[in-house]
Amino acid sequence: MLFNMRTTETADGTLVTLVGDVDLATMPEVSAGLSGISGHTTIDLSGVDYFDPVCMGVLIAADLKARRSGGRLNVTASTAVFDLLAESRLVEILEVSAPAD
């Protein structure tokens, strides 16, 4: 599966949209793309088909960056990714919402 990452500035902050598989091969690109976030940021994972559990640390690091800059991180997840984050209890740490599908 092809991977795509797009960052857009909105009135509410930064929107980072990921599509495809987030795994060891794409983790460096995701990490680099999220390294510059600050303030209010939404990471849209609703188009992610596969999310390797090894990559969860990238979300935690992004959340810490957002909080340290006075913002917050919101994650919108596909059902599969939401289930993974719930199983790992990251939904208790991160603001995560599942898509309304």
N, C-alpha and C. Protein backbone atom coordinates (compact mmCIF):
# COMPACT_ATOMS: atom_id res chain seq x y z
N MET A 1 0.85 -1.19 0.00
CA MET A 1 0.00 0.00 0.00
C MET A 1 0.88 1.24 0.00
N LEU A 2 0.51 2.19 -0.76
CA LEU A 2 1.23 3.46 -0.79
C LEU A 2 0.94 4.24 0.48
N PHE A 3 1.89 5.08 0.84
CA PHE A 3 1.75 5.90 2.04
C PHE A 3 1.78 7.36 1.62
N ASN A 4 0.92 8.17 2.26
CA ASN A 4 0.88 9.59 1.98
C ASN A 4 0.68 10.34 3.29
N MET A 5 1.40 11.44 3.43
CA MET A 5 1.26 12.29 4.62
C MET A 5 1.12 13.73 4.15
N ARG A 6 0.07 14.40 4.64
CA ARG A 6 -0.18 15.78 4.22
C ARG A 6 -0.42 16.63 5.47
N THR A 7 0.21 17.79 5.51
CA THR A 7 0.02 18.73 6.62
C THR A 7 -0.66 19.98 6.10
N THR A 8 -1.72 20.39 6.79
CA THR A 8 -2.51 21.55 6.39
C THR A 8 -2.73 22.44 7.61
N GLU A 9 -2.56 23.73 7.44
CA GLU A 9 -2.87 24.68 8.51
C GLU A 9 -4.34 25.06 8.40
N THR A 10 -5.06 24.97 9.52
CA THR A 10 -6.48 25.33 9.54
C THR A 10 -6.69 26.42 10.59
N ALA A 11 -7.91 26.91 10.67
CA ALA A 11 -8.23 27.93 11.67
C ALA A 11 -8.08 27.38 13.09
N ASP A 12 -8.23 26.06 13.24
CA ASP A 12 -8.15 25.43 14.56
C ASP A 12 -6.75 24.93 14.90
N GLY A 13 -5.81 25.04 13.98
CA GLY A 13 -4.46 24.54 14.22
C GLY A 13 -3.94 23.77 13.02
N THR A 14 -3.16 22.76 13.29
CA THR A 14 -2.54 21.97 12.23
C THR A 14 -3.27 20.64 12.08
N LEU A 15 -3.53 20.26 10.83
CA LEU A 15 -4.13 18.97 10.52
C LEU A 15 -3.10 18.15 9.77
N VAL A 16 -2.77 16.99 10.33
CA VAL A 16 -1.83 16.07 9.68
C VAL A 16 -2.64 14.84 9.28
N THR A 17 -2.71 14.57 7.98
CA THR A 17 -3.50 13.45 7.47
C THR A 17 -2.56 12.37 6.96
N LEU A 18 -2.76 11.16 7.46
CA LEU A 18 -1.97 10.01 7.03
C LEU A 18 -2.89 9.03 6.31
N VAL A 19 -2.40 8.48 5.20
CA VAL A 19 -3.16 7.50 4.43
C VAL A 19 -2.23 6.36 4.08
N GLY A 20 -2.71 5.14 4.25
CA GLY A 20 -1.90 3.97 3.92
C GLY A 20 -1.47 3.23 5.17
N ASP A 21 -0.29 2.62 5.09
CA ASP A 21 0.24 1.84 6.20
C ASP A 21 1.26 2.64 6.98
N VAL A 22 1.12 2.66 8.30
CA VAL A 22 2.12 3.26 9.18
C VAL A 22 2.85 2.09 9.83
N ASP A 23 4.10 1.88 9.40
CA ASP A 23 4.87 0.75 9.88
C ASP A 23 6.34 1.16 9.99
N LEU A 24 7.21 0.20 10.18
CA LEU A 24 8.63 0.51 10.34
C LEU A 24 9.20 1.24 9.13
N ALA A 25 8.69 0.94 7.94
CA ALA A 25 9.20 1.58 6.73
C ALA A 25 8.81 3.04 6.65
N THR A 26 7.62 3.39 7.13
CA THR A 26 7.13 4.77 7.03
C THR A 26 7.31 5.56 8.32
N MET A 27 7.67 4.89 9.41
CA MET A 27 7.81 5.57 10.70
C MET A 27 8.79 6.75 10.67
N PRO A 28 9.95 6.65 10.00
CA PRO A 28 10.84 7.81 9.97
C PRO A 28 10.19 9.04 9.32
N GLU A 29 9.42 8.83 8.26
CA GLU A 29 8.74 9.95 7.60
C GLU A 29 7.67 10.56 8.52
N VAL A 30 6.92 9.69 9.20
CA VAL A 30 5.89 10.17 10.13
C VAL A 30 6.54 10.94 11.27
N SER A 31 7.59 10.38 11.83
CA SER A 31 8.29 11.03 12.94
C SER A 31 8.84 12.39 12.52
N ALA A 32 9.45 12.45 11.35
CA ALA A 32 9.99 13.73 10.85
C ALA A 32 8.87 14.73 10.60
N GLY A 33 7.76 14.26 10.05
CA GLY A 33 6.64 15.15 9.76
C GLY A 33 5.98 15.70 11.01
N LEU A 34 6.01 14.93 12.09
CA LEU A 34 5.38 15.38 13.34
C LEU A 34 6.35 16.11 14.26
N SER A 35 7.62 16.10 13.91
CA SER A 35 8.63 16.71 14.80
C SER A 35 8.47 18.22 14.92
N GLY A 36 7.88 18.86 13.93
CA GLY A 36 7.74 20.31 13.95
C GLY A 36 6.41 20.81 14.45
N ILE A 37 5.55 19.92 14.95
CA ILE A 37 4.24 20.38 15.38
C ILE A 37 4.33 21.19 16.67
N SER A 38 3.39 22.09 16.81
CA SER A 38 3.24 22.84 18.05
C SER A 38 1.80 23.33 18.11
N GLY A 39 1.36 23.63 19.29
CA GLY A 39 -0.01 24.11 19.43
C GLY A 39 -1.03 23.01 19.19
N HIS A 40 -2.21 23.41 18.80
CA HIS A 40 -3.31 22.47 18.58
C HIS A 40 -3.08 21.72 17.27
N THR A 41 -3.06 20.39 17.37
CA THR A 41 -2.79 19.55 16.21
C THR A 41 -3.76 18.39 16.19
N THR A 42 -4.28 18.09 15.01
CA THR A 42 -5.11 16.90 14.81
C THR A 42 -4.37 15.98 13.87
N ILE A 43 -4.24 14.73 14.26
CA ILE A 43 -3.67 13.71 13.39
C ILE A 43 -4.83 12.83 12.93
N ASP A 44 -5.07 12.84 11.63
CA ASP A 44 -6.17 12.07 11.05
C ASP A 44 -5.63 10.74 10.55
N LEU A 45 -5.96 9.67 11.26
CA LEU A 45 -5.54 8.32 10.89
C LEU A 45 -6.70 7.53 10.31
N SER A 46 -7.79 8.20 9.94
CA SER A 46 -8.96 7.49 9.44
C SER A 46 -8.69 6.79 8.11
N GLY A 47 -7.65 7.21 7.40
CA GLY A 47 -7.28 6.56 6.14
C GLY A 47 -6.15 5.57 6.28
N VAL A 48 -5.79 5.24 7.52
CA VAL A 48 -4.70 4.29 7.77
C VAL A 48 -5.27 2.88 7.82
N ASP A 49 -4.72 2.01 6.97
CA ASP A 49 -5.17 0.62 6.91
C ASP A 49 -4.48 -0.25 7.94
N TYR A 50 -3.21 0.04 8.18
CA TYR A 50 -2.42 -0.76 9.13
C TYR A 50 -1.55 0.18 9.95
N PHE A 51 -1.56 -0.01 11.26
CA PHE A 51 -0.74 0.80 12.16
C PHE A 51 0.07 -0.14 13.03
N ASP A 52 1.38 -0.19 12.78
CA ASP A 52 2.27 -1.07 13.54
C ASP A 52 2.35 -0.57 14.98
N PRO A 53 2.12 -1.44 15.96
CA PRO A 53 2.19 -1.01 17.36
C PRO A 53 3.53 -0.37 17.74
N VAL A 54 4.59 -0.73 17.03
CA VAL A 54 5.90 -0.14 17.29
C VAL A 54 5.87 1.37 17.08
N CYS A 55 4.96 1.86 16.26
CA CYS A 55 4.88 3.28 15.91
C CYS A 55 4.09 4.11 16.92
N MET A 56 3.55 3.49 17.95
CA MET A 56 2.75 4.23 18.92
C MET A 56 3.55 5.31 19.64
N GLY A 57 4.83 5.09 19.79
CA GLY A 57 5.68 6.09 20.45
C GLY A 57 5.70 7.41 19.72
N VAL A 58 5.51 7.38 18.40
CA VAL A 58 5.48 8.61 17.61
C VAL A 58 4.28 9.46 18.03
N LEU A 59 3.14 8.82 18.30
CA LEU A 59 1.95 9.56 18.74
C LEU A 59 2.16 10.14 20.14
N ILE A 60 2.79 9.38 21.01
CA ILE A 60 3.06 9.87 22.37
C ILE A 60 4.00 11.07 22.32
N ALA A 61 5.03 10.99 21.49
CA ALA A 61 5.98 12.11 21.36
C ALA A 61 5.28 13.34 20.80
N ALA A 62 4.38 13.16 19.83
CA ALA A 62 3.65 14.29 19.26
C ALA A 62 2.74 14.92 20.30
N ASP A 63 2.11 14.09 21.14
CA ASP A 63 1.26 14.61 22.20
C ASP A 63 2.07 15.44 23.19
N LEU A 64 3.24 14.97 23.56
CA LEU A 64 4.10 15.72 24.48
C LEU A 64 4.52 17.05 23.87
N LYS A 65 4.88 17.05 22.58
CA LYS A 65 5.27 18.29 21.90
C LYS A 65 4.12 19.29 21.90
N ALA A 66 2.94 18.82 21.57
CA ALA A 66 1.78 19.72 21.53
C ALA A 66 1.51 20.31 22.92
N ARG A 67 1.55 19.49 23.95
CA ARG A 67 1.29 19.96 25.31
C ARG A 67 2.36 20.95 25.78
N ARG A 68 3.60 20.67 25.47
CA ARG A 68 4.69 21.55 25.89
C ARG A 68 4.59 22.93 25.23
N SER A 69 3.94 22.99 24.08
CA SER A 69 3.80 24.27 23.41
C SER A 69 2.46 24.93 23.75
N GLY A 70 1.75 24.37 24.74
CA GLY A 70 0.49 24.96 25.17
C GLY A 70 -0.71 24.52 24.37
N GLY A 71 -0.54 23.53 23.53
CA GLY A 71 -1.64 23.05 22.70
C GLY A 71 -2.14 21.70 23.15
N ARG A 72 -2.79 21.03 22.23
CA ARG A 72 -3.28 19.69 22.49
C ARG A 72 -3.24 18.89 21.19
N LEU A 73 -3.20 17.59 21.34
CA LEU A 73 -3.20 16.69 20.19
C LEU A 73 -4.50 15.91 20.19
N ASN A 74 -5.16 15.90 19.05
CA ASN A 74 -6.35 15.08 18.85
C ASN A 74 -6.01 14.07 17.77
N VAL A 75 -6.46 12.85 17.96
CA VAL A 75 -6.25 11.79 16.97
C VAL A 75 -7.60 11.28 16.53
N THR A 76 -7.83 11.27 15.22
CA THR A 76 -9.01 10.63 14.65
C THR A 76 -8.53 9.35 14.01
N ALA A 77 -9.09 8.23 14.42
CA ALA A 77 -8.56 6.94 13.99
C ALA A 77 -9.58 6.13 13.21
N SER A 78 -9.07 5.31 12.30
CA SER A 78 -9.93 4.31 11.67
C SER A 78 -10.35 3.32 12.76
N THR A 79 -11.34 2.52 12.48
CA THR A 79 -11.81 1.57 13.48
C THR A 79 -10.69 0.63 13.92
N ALA A 80 -9.92 0.13 12.96
CA ALA A 80 -8.83 -0.80 13.29
C ALA A 80 -7.78 -0.12 14.17
N VAL A 81 -7.42 1.11 13.84
CA VAL A 81 -6.41 1.83 14.63
C VAL A 81 -6.99 2.18 16.00
N PHE A 82 -8.24 2.60 16.05
CA PHE A 82 -8.87 2.91 17.33
C PHE A 82 -8.84 1.69 18.25
N ASP A 83 -9.19 0.53 17.69
CA ASP A 83 -9.19 -0.70 18.49
C ASP A 83 -7.80 -1.00 19.03
N LEU A 84 -6.78 -0.80 18.22
CA LEU A 84 -5.40 -1.03 18.65
C LEU A 84 -5.02 -0.06 19.78
N LEU A 85 -5.37 1.21 19.61
CA LEU A 85 -5.05 2.21 20.64
C LEU A 85 -5.83 1.95 21.93
N ALA A 86 -7.06 1.46 21.80
CA ALA A 86 -7.86 1.13 22.98
C ALA A 86 -7.28 -0.09 23.69
N GLU A 87 -6.88 -1.08 22.92
CA GLU A 87 -6.30 -2.30 23.49
C GLU A 87 -5.01 -1.99 24.26
N SER A 88 -4.25 -1.04 23.75
CA SER A 88 -2.99 -0.67 24.40
C SER A 88 -3.19 0.39 25.48
N ARG A 89 -4.43 0.84 25.65
CA ARG A 89 -4.83 1.85 26.64
C ARG A 89 -4.32 3.26 26.33
N LEU A 90 -3.87 3.48 25.11
CA LEU A 90 -3.45 4.84 24.74
C LEU A 90 -4.62 5.80 24.66
N VAL A 91 -5.83 5.28 24.51
CA VAL A 91 -7.01 6.15 24.50
C VAL A 91 -7.22 6.81 25.85
N GLU A 92 -6.57 6.28 26.89
CA GLU A 92 -6.64 6.89 28.21
C GLU A 92 -5.65 8.04 28.36
N ILE A 93 -4.67 8.10 27.47
CA ILE A 93 -3.63 9.13 27.51
C ILE A 93 -3.87 10.18 26.44
N LEU A 94 -4.18 9.72 25.23
CA LEU A 94 -4.37 10.61 24.08
C LEU A 94 -5.86 10.91 23.89
N GLU A 95 -6.15 12.04 23.26
CA GLU A 95 -7.53 12.33 22.86
C GLU A 95 -7.75 11.64 21.52
N VAL A 96 -8.47 10.51 21.54
CA VAL A 96 -8.67 9.70 20.34
C VAL A 96 -10.16 9.54 20.09
N SER A 97 -10.56 9.75 18.85
CA SER A 97 -11.94 9.49 18.47
C SER A 97 -11.96 8.58 17.26
N ALA A 98 -12.92 7.68 17.25
CA ALA A 98 -13.10 6.78 16.12
C ALA A 98 -13.98 7.46 15.09
N PRO A 99 -13.82 7.12 13.82
CA PRO A 99 -14.69 7.71 12.80
C PRO A 99 -16.12 7.22 12.97
N ALA A 100 -17.04 8.00 12.49
CA ALA A 100 -18.46 7.64 12.58
C ALA A 100 -18.85 6.78 11.40
N ASP A 101 -18.29 5.57 11.32
CA ASP A 101 -18.63 4.70 10.19
C ASP A 101 -19.52 3.61 10.63
